[in-house]
Amino acid sequence: MEQLPDLTSYDAVLFDLDGVLTPTAEVHMHAWQTMFTELFAAWSIEPPYTEADYFEHLDGKKRYDGVASLLRSRDVEVPWGDPADSPTADTVCGIGNRKNAFFERVLRDEGIAAYPGSLDLLNVLRDAGTTVAVVSSSKNAEEVLGVAGIRDRFPVVMDGVIAERDHLASKPAPDVFVEAARMLGVDPARSAAVEDAISGVRSAVAGGFALVVGVDRGVGVEALRAAGAHVIVSDLEEFVS
């Protein structure tokens, strides 16, 4: 096992949400797969959607950027549309909204809970007085944190709503991590970032964070290492056990 650094020694720790703090990444994966499988069949798009498409084109990115990226990989171009588009609209925004409708239904009906290991680490950081934040591409971050009962843990939540409002580039660009650090009043060079997505790891590395932790929830150790993660764990419980 790698010798893990003491996260309380950093000025702040910035966490991705889906797949790092809560298992919502699994819900997102299922929602994307269901929606794109139906769409590709209806539009006779080949090759069919696979799990690899999620990690390469969707994981960690803003919703509409992910849609555009995946369609582009199949040489399909549709109008961008508007965030207010109906989920039935054949636009990038409409397709993204179609997926989100499924996600919100599952979240509402089944709920969500934080990973126990992530809660344990948050408790350690709180007791040590280490500042924390959430940096998520999801527009559902506030709702997910609320349902999971951990919204009050984070003085700053940088999410897809703020990113769209302020025209911040999607991960793997460093914009959202850097802006979250600014909102916290900390220097990335003295802070840590925790991510499970390749795009998120690249974002934090590009933002100049002193430590970038990769959490392997399925993307693979080598992929996270190649993206620039300094240390890799399978669960955040490893930092407190």
C-alpha atoms as a PDB file:
ATOM      1  CA  MET A   1       0.000   0.000   0.000  1.00  0.00           C
ATOM      2  CA  GLU A   2       1.214   3.491  -0.767  1.00  0.00           C
ATOM      3  CA  GLN A   3       2.184   5.687   2.168  1.00  0.00           C
ATOM      4  CA  LEU A   4      -0.717   8.102   2.237  1.00  0.00           C
ATOM      5  CA  PRO A   5      -0.232  11.775   3.090  1.00  0.00           C
ATOM      6  CA  ASP A   6      -1.994  13.447   6.000  1.00  0.00           C
ATOM      7  CA  LEU A   7      -4.832  15.418   4.414  1.00  0.00           C
ATOM      8  CA  THR A   8      -5.170  17.568   7.525  1.00  0.00           C
ATOM      9  CA  SER A   9      -1.762  19.075   6.720  1.00  0.00           C
ATOM     10  CA  TYR A  10      -3.220  20.891   3.698  1.00  0.00           C
ATOM     11  CA  ASP A  11      -4.956  24.253   3.876  1.00  0.00           C
ATOM     12  CA  ALA A  12      -8.080  22.787   2.248  1.00  0.00           C
ATOM     13  CA  VAL A  13      -9.389  19.618   0.626  1.00  0.00           C
ATOM     14  CA  LEU A  14     -11.672  19.974  -2.401  1.00  0.00           C
ATOM     15  CA  PHE A  15     -13.844  16.971  -3.244  1.00  0.00           C
ATOM     16  CA  ASP A  16     -15.625  15.900  -6.377  1.00  0.00           C
ATOM     17  CA  LEU A  17     -19.124  14.672  -5.504  1.00  0.00           C
ATOM     18  CA  ASP A  18     -20.363  11.802  -7.666  1.00  0.00           C
ATOM     19  CA  GLY A  19     -18.247   8.717  -7.017  1.00  0.00           C
ATOM     20  CA  VAL A  20     -16.138  10.423  -4.343  1.00  0.00           C
ATOM     21  CA  LEU A  21     -18.557  11.489  -1.619  1.00  0.00           C
ATOM     22  CA  THR A  22     -21.710   9.720  -2.791  1.00  0.00           C
ATOM     23  CA  PRO A  23     -22.392   6.721  -5.066  1.00  0.00           C
ATOM     24  CA  THR A  24     -24.417   8.881  -7.441  1.00  0.00           C
ATOM     25  CA  ALA A  25     -21.909   8.109 -10.194  1.00  0.00           C
ATOM     26  CA  GLU A  26     -23.615   4.729 -10.506  1.00  0.00           C
ATOM     27  CA  VAL A  27     -26.981   6.431 -10.978  1.00  0.00           C
ATOM     28  CA  HIS A  28     -25.491   8.790 -13.559  1.00  0.00           C
ATOM     29  CA  MET A  29     -23.917   5.857 -15.408  1.00  0.00           C
ATOM     30  CA  HIS A  30     -27.222   4.004 -15.522  1.00  0.00           C
ATOM     31  CA  ALA A  31     -29.119   7.106 -16.628  1.00  0.00           C
ATOM     32  CA  TRP A  32     -26.656   7.830 -19.447  1.00  0.00           C
ATOM     33  CA  GLN A  33     -26.633   4.207 -20.590  1.00  0.00           C
ATOM     34  CA  THR A  34     -30.419   3.947 -20.672  1.00  0.00           C
ATOM     35  CA  MET A  35     -30.861   7.222 -22.521  1.00  0.00           C
ATOM     36  CA  PHE A  36     -28.072   6.785 -25.086  1.00  0.00           C
ATOM     37  CA  THR A  37     -28.901   3.137 -25.776  1.00  0.00           C
ATOM     38  CA  GLU A  38     -32.444   4.175 -26.697  1.00  0.00           C
ATOM     39  CA  LEU A  39     -31.245   7.205 -28.676  1.00  0.00           C
ATOM     40  CA  PHE A  40     -28.625   5.296 -30.657  1.00  0.00           C
ATOM     41  CA  ALA A  41     -31.163   2.595 -31.530  1.00  0.00           C
ATOM     42  CA  ALA A  42     -33.750   5.162 -32.626  1.00  0.00           C
ATOM     43  CA  TRP A  43     -31.212   7.056 -34.759  1.00  0.00           C
ATOM     44  CA  SER A  44     -29.397   3.922 -36.033  1.00  0.00           C
ATOM     45  CA  ILE A  45     -26.101   5.200 -34.615  1.00  0.00           C
ATOM     46  CA  GLU A  46     -23.150   2.824 -34.619  1.00  0.00           C
ATOM     47  CA  PRO A  47     -21.249   1.561 -32.763  1.00  0.00           C
ATOM     48  CA  PRO A  48     -23.650   1.041 -29.842  1.00  0.00           C
ATOM     49  CA  TYR A  49     -23.133   2.811 -26.527  1.00  0.00           C
ATOM     50  CA  THR A  50     -20.719   1.082 -24.136  1.00  0.00           C
ATOM     51  CA  GLU A  51     -19.478   1.666 -20.602  1.00  0.00           C
ATOM     52  CA  ALA A  52     -16.195   2.932 -22.061  1.00  0.00           C
ATOM     53  CA  ASP A  53     -18.151   5.844 -23.583  1.00  0.00           C
ATOM     54  CA  TYR A  54     -19.106   6.995 -20.095  1.00  0.00           C
ATOM     55  CA  PHE A  55     -15.531   7.170 -18.840  1.00  0.00           C
ATOM     56  CA  GLU A  56     -14.163   8.727 -22.032  1.00  0.00           C
ATOM     57  CA  HIS A  57     -16.847  11.280 -22.886  1.00  0.00           C
ATOM     58  CA  LEU A  58     -19.210  11.846 -19.948  1.00  0.00           C
ATOM     59  CA  ASP A  59     -17.580  11.208 -16.581  1.00  0.00           C
ATOM     60  CA  GLY A  60     -16.768  14.444 -14.731  1.00  0.00           C
ATOM     61  CA  LYS A  61     -17.892  16.790 -17.499  1.00  0.00           C
ATOM     62  CA  LYS A  62     -20.749  19.256 -17.557  1.00  0.00           C
ATOM     63  CA  ARG A  63     -23.870  17.530 -18.863  1.00  0.00           C
ATOM     64  CA  TYR A  64     -24.184  19.252 -22.231  1.00  0.00           C
ATOM     65  CA  ASP A  65     -20.451  19.111 -22.933  1.00  0.00           C
ATOM     66  CA  GLY A  66     -20.635  15.359 -22.353  1.00  0.00           C
ATOM     67  CA  VAL A  67     -23.543  14.941 -24.749  1.00  0.00           C
ATOM     68  CA  ALA A  68     -21.760  16.910 -27.457  1.00  0.00           C
ATOM     69  CA  SER A  69     -18.531  14.951 -26.929  1.00  0.00           C
ATOM     70  CA  LEU A  70     -20.203  11.560 -27.189  1.00  0.00           C
ATOM     71  CA  LEU A  71     -22.270  12.470 -30.248  1.00  0.00           C
ATOM     72  CA  ARG A  72     -19.170  13.898 -31.904  1.00  0.00           C
ATOM     73  CA  SER A  73     -17.393  10.573 -31.335  1.00  0.00           C
ATOM     74  CA  ARG A  74     -20.042   9.027 -33.619  1.00  0.00           C
ATOM     75  CA  ASP A  75     -19.796  11.870 -36.160  1.00  0.00           C
ATOM     76  CA  VAL A  76     -23.241  13.117 -35.139  1.00  0.00           C
ATOM     77  CA  GLU A  77     -23.923  16.839 -34.887  1.00  0.00           C
ATOM     78  CA  VAL A  78     -27.191  18.325 -33.602  1.00  0.00           C
ATOM     79  CA  PRO A  79     -28.078  21.915 -32.679  1.00  0.00           C
ATOM     80  CA  TRP A  80     -26.912  22.967 -29.217  1.00  0.00           C
ATOM     81  CA  GLY A  81     -30.320  24.308 -28.267  1.00  0.00           C
ATOM     82  CA  ASP A  82     -31.059  25.967 -24.946  1.00  0.00           C
ATOM     83  CA  PRO A  83     -30.989  24.699 -21.326  1.00  0.00           C
ATOM     84  CA  ALA A  84     -34.744  25.316 -21.231  1.00  0.00           C
ATOM     85  CA  ASP A  85     -35.324  22.778 -24.035  1.00  0.00           C
ATOM     86  CA  SER A  86     -37.833  19.999 -23.429  1.00  0.00           C
ATOM     87  CA  PRO A  87     -36.363  16.543 -22.764  1.00  0.00           C
ATOM     88  CA  THR A  88     -38.010  15.478 -26.018  1.00  0.00           C
ATOM     89  CA  ALA A  89     -36.029  18.020 -28.075  1.00  0.00           C
ATOM     90  CA  ASP A  90     -33.360  16.590 -30.377  1.00  0.00           C
ATOM     91  CA  THR A  91     -30.751  19.135 -29.330  1.00  0.00           C
ATOM     92  CA  VAL A  92     -27.676  18.782 -27.142  1.00  0.00           C
ATOM     93  CA  CYS A  93     -29.540  20.459 -24.287  1.00  0.00           C
ATOM     94  CA  GLY A  94     -32.707  18.451 -24.863  1.00  0.00           C
ATOM     95  CA  ILE A  95     -30.790  15.174 -24.831  1.00  0.00           C
ATOM     96  CA  GLY A  96     -28.974  16.216 -21.669  1.00  0.00           C
ATOM     97  CA  ASN A  97     -32.282  17.147 -20.042  1.00  0.00           C
ATOM     98  CA  ARG A  98     -33.710  13.769 -21.068  1.00  0.00           C
ATOM     99  CA  LYS A  99     -30.968  12.017 -19.121  1.00  0.00           C
ATOM    100  CA  ASN A 100     -31.408  14.331 -16.149  1.00  0.00           C
ATOM    101  CA  ALA A 101     -35.116  13.571 -15.877  1.00  0.00           C
ATOM    102  CA  PHE A 102     -34.260   9.913 -15.346  1.00  0.00           C
ATOM    103  CA  PHE A 103     -31.566  10.780 -12.789  1.00  0.00           C
ATOM    104  CA  GLU A 104     -33.893  13.014 -10.771  1.00  0.00           C
ATOM    105  CA  ARG A 105     -36.583  10.329 -10.708  1.00  0.00           C
ATOM    106  CA  VAL A 106     -34.164   7.738  -9.281  1.00  0.00           C
ATOM    107  CA  LEU A 107     -32.789  10.224  -6.734  1.00  0.00           C
ATOM    108  CA  ARG A 108     -36.298  11.152  -5.618  1.00  0.00           C
ATOM    109  CA  ASP A 109     -37.590   7.575  -5.399  1.00  0.00           C
ATOM    110  CA  GLU A 110     -34.549   5.807  -3.977  1.00  0.00           C
ATOM    111  CA  GLY A 111     -32.545   8.516  -2.190  1.00  0.00           C
ATOM    112  CA  ILE A 112     -28.767   8.491  -1.726  1.00  0.00           C
ATOM    113  CA  ALA A 113     -26.306   8.163   1.158  1.00  0.00           C
ATOM    114  CA  ALA A 114     -22.674   9.208   1.431  1.00  0.00           C
ATOM    115  CA  TYR A 115     -19.965   6.560   1.347  1.00  0.00           C
ATOM    116  CA  PRO A 116     -19.153   5.642   4.980  1.00  0.00           C
ATOM    117  CA  GLY A 117     -15.420   6.063   4.350  1.00  0.00           C
ATOM    118  CA  SER A 118     -15.987   9.526   2.921  1.00  0.00           C
ATOM    119  CA  LEU A 119     -18.024  10.511   5.977  1.00  0.00           C
ATOM    120  CA  ASP A 120     -15.256   9.255   8.257  1.00  0.00           C
ATOM    121  CA  LEU A 121     -12.690  11.377   6.418  1.00  0.00           C
ATOM    122  CA  LEU A 122     -14.954  14.443   6.530  1.00  0.00           C
ATOM    123  CA  ASN A 123     -15.221  13.966  10.294  1.00  0.00           C
ATOM    124  CA  VAL A 124     -11.428  13.840  10.632  1.00  0.00           C
ATOM    125  CA  LEU A 125     -11.006  16.983   8.537  1.00  0.00           C
ATOM    126  CA  ARG A 126     -13.727  18.807  10.493  1.00  0.00           C
ATOM    127  CA  ASP A 127     -12.128  17.909  13.823  1.00  0.00           C
ATOM    128  CA  ALA A 128      -8.761  19.147  12.532  1.00  0.00           C
ATOM    129  CA  GLY A 129     -10.260  22.414  11.304  1.00  0.00           C
ATOM    130  CA  THR A 130      -9.366  21.707   7.661  1.00  0.00           C
ATOM    131  CA  THR A 131     -11.539  23.615   5.187  1.00  0.00           C
ATOM    132  CA  VAL A 132     -13.445  21.563   2.601  1.00  0.00           C
ATOM    133  CA  ALA A 133     -15.434  22.228  -0.568  1.00  0.00           C
ATOM    134  CA  VAL A 134     -17.302  20.357  -3.279  1.00  0.00           C
ATOM    135  CA  VAL A 135     -16.290  20.777  -6.915  1.00  0.00           C
ATOM    136  CA  SER A 136     -18.840  19.052  -9.148  1.00  0.00           C
ATOM    137  CA  SER A 137     -19.838  19.359 -12.783  1.00  0.00           C
ATOM    138  CA  SER A 138     -23.362  18.292 -11.873  1.00  0.00           C
ATOM    139  CA  LYS A 139     -26.263  20.715 -11.739  1.00  0.00           C
ATOM    140  CA  ASN A 140     -27.797  18.328  -9.189  1.00  0.00           C
ATOM    141  CA  ALA A 141     -25.025  18.759  -6.618  1.00  0.00           C
ATOM    142  CA  GLU A 142     -27.046  20.825  -4.149  1.00  0.00           C
ATOM    143  CA  GLU A 143     -29.944  18.362  -4.278  1.00  0.00           C
ATOM    144  CA  VAL A 144     -27.666  15.322  -3.905  1.00  0.00           C
ATOM    145  CA  LEU A 145     -25.841  16.852  -0.931  1.00  0.00           C
ATOM    146  CA  GLY A 146     -29.164  17.713   0.677  1.00  0.00           C
ATOM    147  CA  VAL A 147     -30.642  14.232   0.173  1.00  0.00           C
ATOM    148  CA  ALA A 148     -27.432  12.683   1.525  1.00  0.00           C
ATOM    149  CA  GLY A 149     -27.618  14.947   4.588  1.00  0.00           C
ATOM    150  CA  ILE A 150     -24.149  16.479   4.191  1.00  0.00           C
ATOM    151  CA  ARG A 151     -24.810  19.889   2.609  1.00  0.00           C
ATOM    152  CA  ASP A 152     -23.943  21.695   5.842  1.00  0.00           C
ATOM    153  CA  ARG A 153     -20.418  20.241   5.776  1.00  0.00           C
ATOM    154  CA  PHE A 154     -19.334  22.449   2.870  1.00  0.00           C
ATOM    155  CA  PRO A 155     -19.022  26.246   2.964  1.00  0.00           C
ATOM    156  CA  VAL A 156     -18.434  26.235  -0.796  1.00  0.00           C
ATOM    157  CA  VAL A 157     -20.178  24.134  -3.442  1.00  0.00           C
ATOM    158  CA  MET A 158     -18.901  24.803  -6.940  1.00  0.00           C
ATOM    159  CA  ASP A 159     -21.353  23.032  -9.234  1.00  0.00           C
ATOM    160  CA  GLY A 160     -22.633  22.939 -12.791  1.00  0.00           C
ATOM    161  CA  VAL A 161     -25.114  25.730 -12.103  1.00  0.00           C
ATOM    162  CA  ILE A 162     -22.353  28.144 -11.086  1.00  0.00           C
ATOM    163  CA  ALA A 163     -20.071  26.949 -13.878  1.00  0.00           C
ATOM    164  CA  GLU A 164     -22.732  27.655 -16.488  1.00  0.00           C
ATOM    165  CA  ARG A 165     -23.646  31.012 -14.953  1.00  0.00           C
ATOM    166  CA  ASP A 166     -20.026  32.169 -14.844  1.00  0.00           C
ATOM    167  CA  HIS A 167     -19.045  30.565 -18.175  1.00  0.00           C
ATOM    168  CA  LEU A 168     -16.389  28.348 -16.594  1.00  0.00           C
ATOM    169  CA  ALA A 169     -14.934  25.649 -18.824  1.00  0.00           C
ATOM    170  CA  SER A 170     -15.787  22.042 -18.042  1.00  0.00           C
ATOM    171  CA  LYS A 171     -13.302  19.606 -16.540  1.00  0.00           C
ATOM    172  CA  PRO A 172     -10.558  18.722 -17.618  1.00  0.00           C
ATOM    173  CA  ALA A 173      -9.954  22.492 -17.810  1.00  0.00           C
ATOM    174  CA  PRO A 174      -8.802  23.780 -14.407  1.00  0.00           C
ATOM    175  CA  ASP A 175     -11.419  26.543 -14.143  1.00  0.00           C
ATOM    176  CA  VAL A 176     -13.870  25.009 -11.661  1.00  0.00           C
ATOM    177  CA  PHE A 177     -11.224  23.793  -9.211  1.00  0.00           C
ATOM    178  CA  VAL A 178      -9.340  27.074  -9.345  1.00  0.00           C
ATOM    179  CA  GLU A 179     -12.527  29.080  -8.829  1.00  0.00           C
ATOM    180  CA  ALA A 180     -13.573  26.902  -5.889  1.00  0.00           C
ATOM    181  CA  ALA A 181     -10.187  27.526  -4.263  1.00  0.00           C
ATOM    182  CA  ARG A 182     -10.654  31.257  -4.814  1.00  0.00           C
ATOM    183  CA  MET A 183     -14.103  31.097  -3.213  1.00  0.00           C
ATOM    184  CA  LEU A 184     -12.589  29.325  -0.199  1.00  0.00           C
ATOM    185  CA  GLY A 185      -9.750  31.830  -0.027  1.00  0.00           C
ATOM    186  CA  VAL A 186      -7.021  29.182  -0.345  1.00  0.00           C
ATOM    187  CA  ASP A 187      -4.054  28.621  -2.628  1.00  0.00           C
ATOM    188  CA  PRO A 188      -4.253  25.472  -4.803  1.00  0.00           C
ATOM    189  CA  ALA A 189      -0.499  25.033  -4.252  1.00  0.00           C
ATOM    190  CA  ARG A 190      -1.246  24.429  -0.552  1.00  0.00           C
ATOM    191  CA  SER A 191      -4.443  22.410  -1.056  1.00  0.00           C
ATOM    192  CA  ALA A 192      -5.545  18.898  -2.023  1.00  0.00           C
ATOM    193  CA  ALA A 193      -8.136  17.726  -4.547  1.00  0.00           C
ATOM    194  CA  VAL A 194      -9.959  14.380  -4.567  1.00  0.00           C
ATOM    195  CA  GLU A 195     -11.403  12.967  -7.808  1.00  0.00           C
ATOM    196  CA  ASP A 196     -12.573   9.686  -9.325  1.00  0.00           C
ATOM    197  CA  ALA A 197     -12.838  10.833 -12.961  1.00  0.00           C
ATOM    198  CA  ILE A 198     -10.008  11.146 -15.453  1.00  0.00           C
ATOM    199  CA  SER A 199     -11.262  14.568 -16.508  1.00  0.00           C
ATOM    200  CA  GLY A 200     -11.441  15.661 -12.867  1.00  0.00           C
ATOM    201  CA  VAL A 201      -7.920  14.506 -12.071  1.00  0.00           C
ATOM    202  CA  ARG A 202      -6.627  16.376 -15.108  1.00  0.00           C
ATOM    203  CA  SER A 203      -8.553  19.455 -14.016  1.00  0.00           C
ATOM    204  CA  ALA A 204      -7.014  19.477 -10.539  1.00  0.00           C
ATOM    205  CA  VAL A 205      -3.523  18.796 -11.891  1.00  0.00           C
ATOM    206  CA  ALA A 206      -3.887  21.664 -14.375  1.00  0.00           C
ATOM    207  CA  GLY A 207      -5.071  23.865 -11.510  1.00  0.00           C
ATOM    208  CA  GLY A 208      -1.780  23.390  -9.703  1.00  0.00           C
ATOM    209  CA  PHE A 209      -3.046  21.532  -6.625  1.00  0.00           C
ATOM    210  CA  ALA A 210      -0.318  20.317  -4.295  1.00  0.00           C
ATOM    211  CA  LEU A 211      -1.925  16.881  -3.980  1.00  0.00           C
ATOM    212  CA  VAL A 212      -4.358  15.175  -6.334  1.00  0.00           C
ATOM    213  CA  VAL A 213      -5.960  12.018  -4.952  1.00  0.00           C
ATOM    214  CA  GLY A 214      -7.513   9.563  -7.389  1.00  0.00           C
ATOM    215  CA  VAL A 215     -10.335   7.362  -6.087  1.00  0.00           C
ATOM    216  CA  ASP A 216     -10.675   4.239  -8.203  1.00  0.00           C
ATOM    217  CA  ARG A 217     -14.380   3.488  -8.462  1.00  0.00           C
ATOM    218  CA  GLY A 218     -13.987   1.669 -11.779  1.00  0.00           C
ATOM    219  CA  VAL A 219     -11.961   3.817 -14.146  1.00  0.00           C
ATOM    220  CA  GLY A 220      -8.760   1.975 -13.200  1.00  0.00           C
ATOM    221  CA  VAL A 221      -5.564   2.731 -11.297  1.00  0.00           C
ATOM    222  CA  GLU A 222      -3.396   3.109 -14.395  1.00  0.00           C
ATOM    223  CA  ALA A 223      -5.842   5.524 -16.040  1.00  0.00           C
ATOM    224  CA  LEU A 224      -5.918   7.713 -12.922  1.00  0.00           C
ATOM    225  CA  ARG A 225      -2.142   7.600 -12.636  1.00  0.00           C
ATOM    226  CA  ALA A 226      -1.720   8.495 -16.310  1.00  0.00           C
ATOM    227  CA  ALA A 227      -4.074  11.463 -15.786  1.00  0.00           C
ATOM    228  CA  GLY A 228      -1.729  12.759 -13.090  1.00  0.00           C
ATOM    229  CA  ALA A 229      -3.074  11.506  -9.740  1.00  0.00           C
ATOM    230  CA  HIS A 230      -0.329  11.603  -7.108  1.00  0.00           C
ATOM    231  CA  VAL A 231      -1.858   8.875  -4.942  1.00  0.00           C
ATOM    232  CA  ILE A 232      -4.696   6.450  -5.651  1.00  0.00           C
ATOM    233  CA  VAL A 233      -7.071   4.725  -3.230  1.00  0.00           C
ATOM    234  CA  SER A 234     -10.123   2.538  -3.643  1.00  0.00           C
ATOM    235  CA  ASP A 235     -11.989   4.257  -0.795  1.00  0.00           C
ATOM    236  CA  LEU A 236     -11.350   7.353   1.321  1.00  0.00           C
ATOM    237  CA  GLU A 237     -11.504   5.167   4.435  1.00  0.00           C
ATOM    238  CA  GLU A 238      -7.857   4.380   3.660  1.00  0.00           C
ATOM    239  CA  PHE A 239      -6.929   7.869   4.874  1.00  0.00           C
ATOM    240  CA  VAL A 240      -8.372   7.239   8.340  1.00  0.00           C
ATOM    241  CA  SER A 241      -7.788   3.533   8.925  1.00  0.00           C
END
